[in-house]
N, C-alpha and C. Protein backbone atom coordinates (compact mmCIF):
# COMPACT_ATOMS: atom_id res chain seq x y z
N UNK A 1 3.55 -3.28 -17.95
CA UNK A 1 3.17 -2.88 -16.62
C UNK A 1 3.60 -1.43 -16.42
N UNK A 2 2.73 -0.62 -15.90
CA UNK A 2 3.04 0.78 -15.69
C UNK A 2 4.13 0.91 -14.63
N UNK A 3 4.97 1.91 -14.81
CA UNK A 3 6.14 2.09 -13.94
C UNK A 3 5.73 2.16 -12.46
N UNK A 4 4.68 2.88 -12.15
CA UNK A 4 4.23 3.02 -10.76
C UNK A 4 3.88 1.65 -10.18
N UNK A 5 3.16 0.85 -10.95
CA UNK A 5 2.78 -0.50 -10.50
C UNK A 5 4.01 -1.39 -10.36
N UNK A 6 4.94 -1.28 -11.30
CA UNK A 6 6.17 -2.07 -11.24
C UNK A 6 6.97 -1.69 -10.00
N UNK A 7 7.10 -0.41 -9.72
CA UNK A 7 7.84 0.03 -8.54
C UNK A 7 7.21 -0.52 -7.26
N UNK A 8 5.88 -0.51 -7.20
CA UNK A 8 5.19 -1.04 -6.02
C UNK A 8 5.44 -2.55 -5.90
N UNK A 9 5.35 -3.26 -7.01
CA UNK A 9 5.58 -4.70 -7.01
C UNK A 9 7.00 -5.02 -6.53
N UNK A 10 7.98 -4.31 -7.06
CA UNK A 10 9.38 -4.52 -6.66
C UNK A 10 9.56 -4.20 -5.18
N UNK A 11 8.98 -3.09 -4.72
CA UNK A 11 9.09 -2.72 -3.31
C UNK A 11 8.44 -3.77 -2.40
N UNK A 12 7.31 -4.32 -2.83
CA UNK A 12 6.66 -5.38 -2.04
C UNK A 12 7.55 -6.62 -1.94
N UNK A 13 8.18 -6.99 -3.04
CA UNK A 13 9.09 -8.14 -3.01
C UNK A 13 10.27 -7.87 -2.08
N UNK A 14 10.84 -6.67 -2.18
CA UNK A 14 11.97 -6.32 -1.31
C UNK A 14 11.55 -6.32 0.16
N UNK A 15 10.36 -5.82 0.43
CA UNK A 15 9.84 -5.80 1.80
C UNK A 15 9.70 -7.22 2.34
N UNK A 16 9.42 -8.19 1.47
CA UNK A 16 9.30 -9.58 1.87
C UNK A 16 10.65 -10.31 1.89
N UNK A 17 11.74 -9.57 1.76
CA UNK A 17 13.07 -10.14 1.89
C UNK A 17 13.73 -10.62 0.61
N UNK A 18 13.15 -10.29 -0.53
CA UNK A 18 13.73 -10.68 -1.81
C UNK A 18 14.74 -9.66 -2.30
N UNK A 19 15.77 -10.12 -2.99
CA UNK A 19 16.59 -9.25 -3.81
C UNK A 19 15.96 -9.31 -5.20
N UNK A 20 15.94 -8.19 -5.90
CA UNK A 20 15.24 -8.11 -7.17
C UNK A 20 16.17 -7.58 -8.24
N UNK A 21 16.16 -8.24 -9.39
CA UNK A 21 16.88 -7.77 -10.56
C UNK A 21 15.88 -7.65 -11.71
N UNK A 22 15.90 -6.52 -12.37
CA UNK A 22 15.02 -6.28 -13.51
C UNK A 22 15.80 -6.41 -14.81
N UNK A 23 15.13 -6.92 -15.85
CA UNK A 23 15.71 -7.00 -17.18
C UNK A 23 17.12 -7.58 -17.11
N UNK A 24 17.20 -8.85 -16.75
CA UNK A 24 18.49 -9.45 -16.45
C UNK A 24 18.66 -10.81 -17.14
N UNK A 25 19.84 -11.34 -17.04
CA UNK A 25 20.16 -12.66 -17.59
C UNK A 25 20.32 -13.64 -16.44
N UNK A 26 19.90 -14.91 -16.68
CA UNK A 26 20.04 -15.95 -15.68
C UNK A 26 20.33 -17.26 -16.40
N UNK A 27 21.32 -18.00 -15.89
CA UNK A 27 21.71 -19.27 -16.51
C UNK A 27 20.89 -20.41 -15.94
N UNK A 28 20.51 -21.32 -16.80
CA UNK A 28 19.74 -22.49 -16.40
C UNK A 28 20.60 -23.73 -16.30
N UNK A 29 20.02 -24.80 -15.79
CA UNK A 29 20.71 -26.08 -15.67
C UNK A 29 21.11 -26.63 -17.04
N UNK A 30 20.38 -26.22 -18.07
CA UNK A 30 20.66 -26.67 -19.43
C UNK A 30 21.91 -26.03 -20.02
N UNK A 31 22.39 -24.97 -19.36
CA UNK A 31 23.52 -24.21 -19.88
C UNK A 31 23.09 -22.99 -20.69
N UNK A 32 21.81 -22.88 -20.96
CA UNK A 32 21.28 -21.74 -21.71
C UNK A 32 21.18 -20.54 -20.78
N UNK A 33 21.56 -19.38 -21.28
CA UNK A 33 21.41 -18.13 -20.53
C UNK A 33 20.13 -17.46 -21.04
N UNK A 34 19.21 -17.22 -20.12
CA UNK A 34 17.90 -16.68 -20.47
C UNK A 34 17.80 -15.21 -20.10
N UNK A 35 17.11 -14.44 -20.93
CA UNK A 35 16.78 -13.05 -20.61
C UNK A 35 15.41 -13.06 -19.96
N UNK A 36 15.28 -12.44 -18.78
CA UNK A 36 14.00 -12.40 -18.07
C UNK A 36 13.70 -10.97 -17.65
N UNK A 37 12.41 -10.69 -17.49
CA UNK A 37 11.98 -9.36 -17.08
C UNK A 37 12.32 -9.09 -15.62
N UNK A 38 12.15 -10.10 -14.76
CA UNK A 38 12.40 -9.90 -13.33
C UNK A 38 12.79 -11.22 -12.69
N UNK A 39 13.81 -11.16 -11.85
CA UNK A 39 14.20 -12.29 -11.01
C UNK A 39 14.18 -11.78 -9.58
N UNK A 40 13.47 -12.49 -8.72
CA UNK A 40 13.46 -12.17 -7.29
C UNK A 40 13.97 -13.40 -6.55
N UNK A 41 14.84 -13.19 -5.57
CA UNK A 41 15.43 -14.32 -4.89
C UNK A 41 15.61 -14.00 -3.41
N UNK A 42 15.37 -15.00 -2.57
CA UNK A 42 15.68 -14.86 -1.14
C UNK A 42 16.12 -16.21 -0.61
N UNK A 43 16.91 -16.15 0.43
CA UNK A 43 17.37 -17.37 1.07
C UNK A 43 16.64 -17.47 2.40
N UNK A 44 15.78 -18.48 2.48
CA UNK A 44 15.00 -18.72 3.68
C UNK A 44 14.58 -20.18 3.63
N UNK A 45 15.09 -20.97 4.57
CA UNK A 45 14.83 -22.41 4.53
C UNK A 45 15.17 -22.96 3.14
N UNK A 46 16.36 -22.67 2.70
CA UNK A 46 16.76 -23.00 1.34
C UNK A 46 16.61 -21.76 0.48
N UNK A 47 16.77 -21.91 -0.78
CA UNK A 47 16.72 -20.78 -1.70
C UNK A 47 15.37 -20.73 -2.40
N UNK A 48 14.80 -19.55 -2.45
CA UNK A 48 13.54 -19.38 -3.18
C UNK A 48 13.78 -18.37 -4.30
N UNK A 49 13.46 -18.78 -5.50
CA UNK A 49 13.69 -17.94 -6.67
C UNK A 49 12.40 -17.81 -7.44
N UNK A 50 12.12 -16.61 -7.91
CA UNK A 50 10.91 -16.33 -8.69
C UNK A 50 11.33 -15.71 -10.02
N UNK A 51 10.74 -16.20 -11.09
CA UNK A 51 10.92 -15.61 -12.42
C UNK A 51 9.59 -14.99 -12.82
N UNK A 52 9.62 -13.76 -13.29
CA UNK A 52 8.39 -13.07 -13.67
C UNK A 52 8.50 -12.58 -15.11
N UNK A 53 7.50 -12.91 -15.91
CA UNK A 53 7.35 -12.33 -17.24
C UNK A 53 6.32 -11.22 -17.13
N UNK A 54 6.59 -10.09 -17.75
CA UNK A 54 5.67 -8.95 -17.67
C UNK A 54 5.28 -8.50 -19.06
N UNK A 55 4.03 -8.06 -19.21
CA UNK A 55 3.52 -7.67 -20.52
C UNK A 55 2.47 -6.58 -20.36
N UNK A 56 2.51 -5.63 -21.25
CA UNK A 56 1.42 -4.66 -21.33
C UNK A 56 0.21 -5.35 -21.94
N UNK A 57 -0.94 -4.79 -21.70
CA UNK A 57 -2.17 -5.33 -22.28
C UNK A 57 -2.01 -5.46 -23.79
N UNK A 58 -2.55 -6.51 -24.36
CA UNK A 58 -2.44 -6.65 -25.81
C UNK A 58 -2.73 -8.05 -26.29
N UNK A 59 -1.89 -8.51 -27.22
CA UNK A 59 -2.13 -9.78 -27.92
C UNK A 59 -2.11 -10.99 -27.00
N UNK A 60 -2.56 -12.09 -27.52
CA UNK A 60 -2.60 -13.36 -26.80
C UNK A 60 -1.19 -13.73 -26.32
N UNK A 61 -1.01 -13.92 -25.01
CA UNK A 61 0.32 -14.16 -24.46
C UNK A 61 0.69 -15.63 -24.31
N UNK A 62 -0.05 -16.54 -24.92
CA UNK A 62 0.14 -17.97 -24.68
C UNK A 62 1.60 -18.40 -24.84
N UNK A 63 2.24 -18.03 -25.92
CA UNK A 63 3.63 -18.45 -26.16
C UNK A 63 4.56 -17.86 -25.12
N UNK A 64 4.33 -16.61 -24.72
CA UNK A 64 5.18 -15.98 -23.72
C UNK A 64 5.01 -16.66 -22.35
N UNK A 65 3.80 -17.03 -22.01
CA UNK A 65 3.55 -17.71 -20.74
C UNK A 65 4.26 -19.06 -20.72
N UNK A 66 4.18 -19.79 -21.81
CA UNK A 66 4.87 -21.08 -21.90
C UNK A 66 6.38 -20.88 -21.75
N UNK A 67 6.89 -19.83 -22.37
CA UNK A 67 8.32 -19.53 -22.27
C UNK A 67 8.73 -19.23 -20.82
N UNK A 68 7.92 -18.46 -20.10
CA UNK A 68 8.23 -18.15 -18.70
C UNK A 68 8.27 -19.44 -17.88
N UNK A 69 7.32 -20.35 -18.10
CA UNK A 69 7.31 -21.61 -17.37
C UNK A 69 8.53 -22.46 -17.72
N UNK A 70 8.91 -22.49 -18.99
CA UNK A 70 10.08 -23.27 -19.41
C UNK A 70 11.36 -22.71 -18.79
N UNK A 71 11.50 -21.40 -18.79
CA UNK A 71 12.69 -20.77 -18.19
C UNK A 71 12.72 -21.07 -16.69
N UNK A 72 11.58 -20.92 -16.02
CA UNK A 72 11.52 -21.17 -14.59
C UNK A 72 11.93 -22.62 -14.28
N UNK A 73 11.47 -23.56 -15.07
CA UNK A 73 11.84 -24.97 -14.88
C UNK A 73 13.36 -25.13 -15.03
N UNK A 74 13.94 -24.49 -16.04
CA UNK A 74 15.37 -24.62 -16.31
C UNK A 74 16.22 -24.01 -15.20
N UNK A 75 15.76 -22.93 -14.59
CA UNK A 75 16.57 -22.25 -13.56
C UNK A 75 16.15 -22.62 -12.14
N UNK A 76 15.14 -23.48 -12.00
CA UNK A 76 14.70 -23.90 -10.68
C UNK A 76 13.97 -22.81 -9.92
N UNK A 77 13.04 -22.15 -10.59
CA UNK A 77 12.31 -21.04 -9.99
C UNK A 77 10.81 -21.24 -10.11
N UNK A 78 10.07 -20.42 -9.38
CA UNK A 78 8.62 -20.39 -9.51
C UNK A 78 8.26 -19.40 -10.62
N UNK A 79 7.41 -19.79 -11.57
CA UNK A 79 7.06 -18.89 -12.66
C UNK A 79 5.82 -18.04 -12.34
N UNK A 80 5.87 -16.79 -12.74
CA UNK A 80 4.72 -15.89 -12.66
C UNK A 80 4.67 -15.07 -13.93
N UNK A 81 3.48 -14.74 -14.36
CA UNK A 81 3.29 -13.90 -15.53
C UNK A 81 2.27 -12.84 -15.16
N UNK A 82 2.65 -11.59 -15.28
CA UNK A 82 1.75 -10.50 -14.90
C UNK A 82 1.54 -9.56 -16.08
N UNK A 83 0.39 -8.92 -16.08
CA UNK A 83 0.05 -8.02 -17.17
C UNK A 83 -0.64 -6.78 -16.62
N UNK A 84 -0.67 -5.74 -17.41
CA UNK A 84 -1.30 -4.49 -16.99
C UNK A 84 -2.80 -4.51 -17.19
N UNK A 85 -3.32 -5.52 -17.88
CA UNK A 85 -4.77 -5.56 -18.14
C UNK A 85 -5.14 -6.86 -18.82
N UNK A 86 -6.24 -6.85 -19.52
CA UNK A 86 -6.73 -8.03 -20.22
C UNK A 86 -6.00 -8.27 -21.52
N UNK A 87 -6.49 -9.26 -22.25
CA UNK A 87 -5.90 -9.62 -23.54
C UNK A 87 -6.95 -9.56 -24.62
N UNK A 88 -6.48 -9.33 -25.84
CA UNK A 88 -7.38 -9.35 -26.98
C UNK A 88 -7.72 -10.79 -27.30
N UNK A 89 -8.94 -11.03 -27.75
CA UNK A 89 -9.29 -12.39 -28.17
C UNK A 89 -8.69 -12.66 -29.54
N UNK A 90 -8.56 -13.92 -29.86
CA UNK A 90 -7.97 -14.29 -31.16
C UNK A 90 -8.92 -14.05 -32.27
């Protein structure tokens, strides 16, 4: 993701009341500590946590998307995967 787009995305999350951490570690219920591209969190009617995987345009991201969903499940977050463009076909 281009820096300008990333900055806008982070600012939008902050504007919506989220605290944002980039390129960070987060522990899951399994005890595993996961490295994630972005964690956004806010407390509103309980805790809302978002895990985001980010990728530049390129190869098939299937395994990375599955990983983001698995990490989100482990840490109790909503998973999102964003990219700067399309993907190459296999």
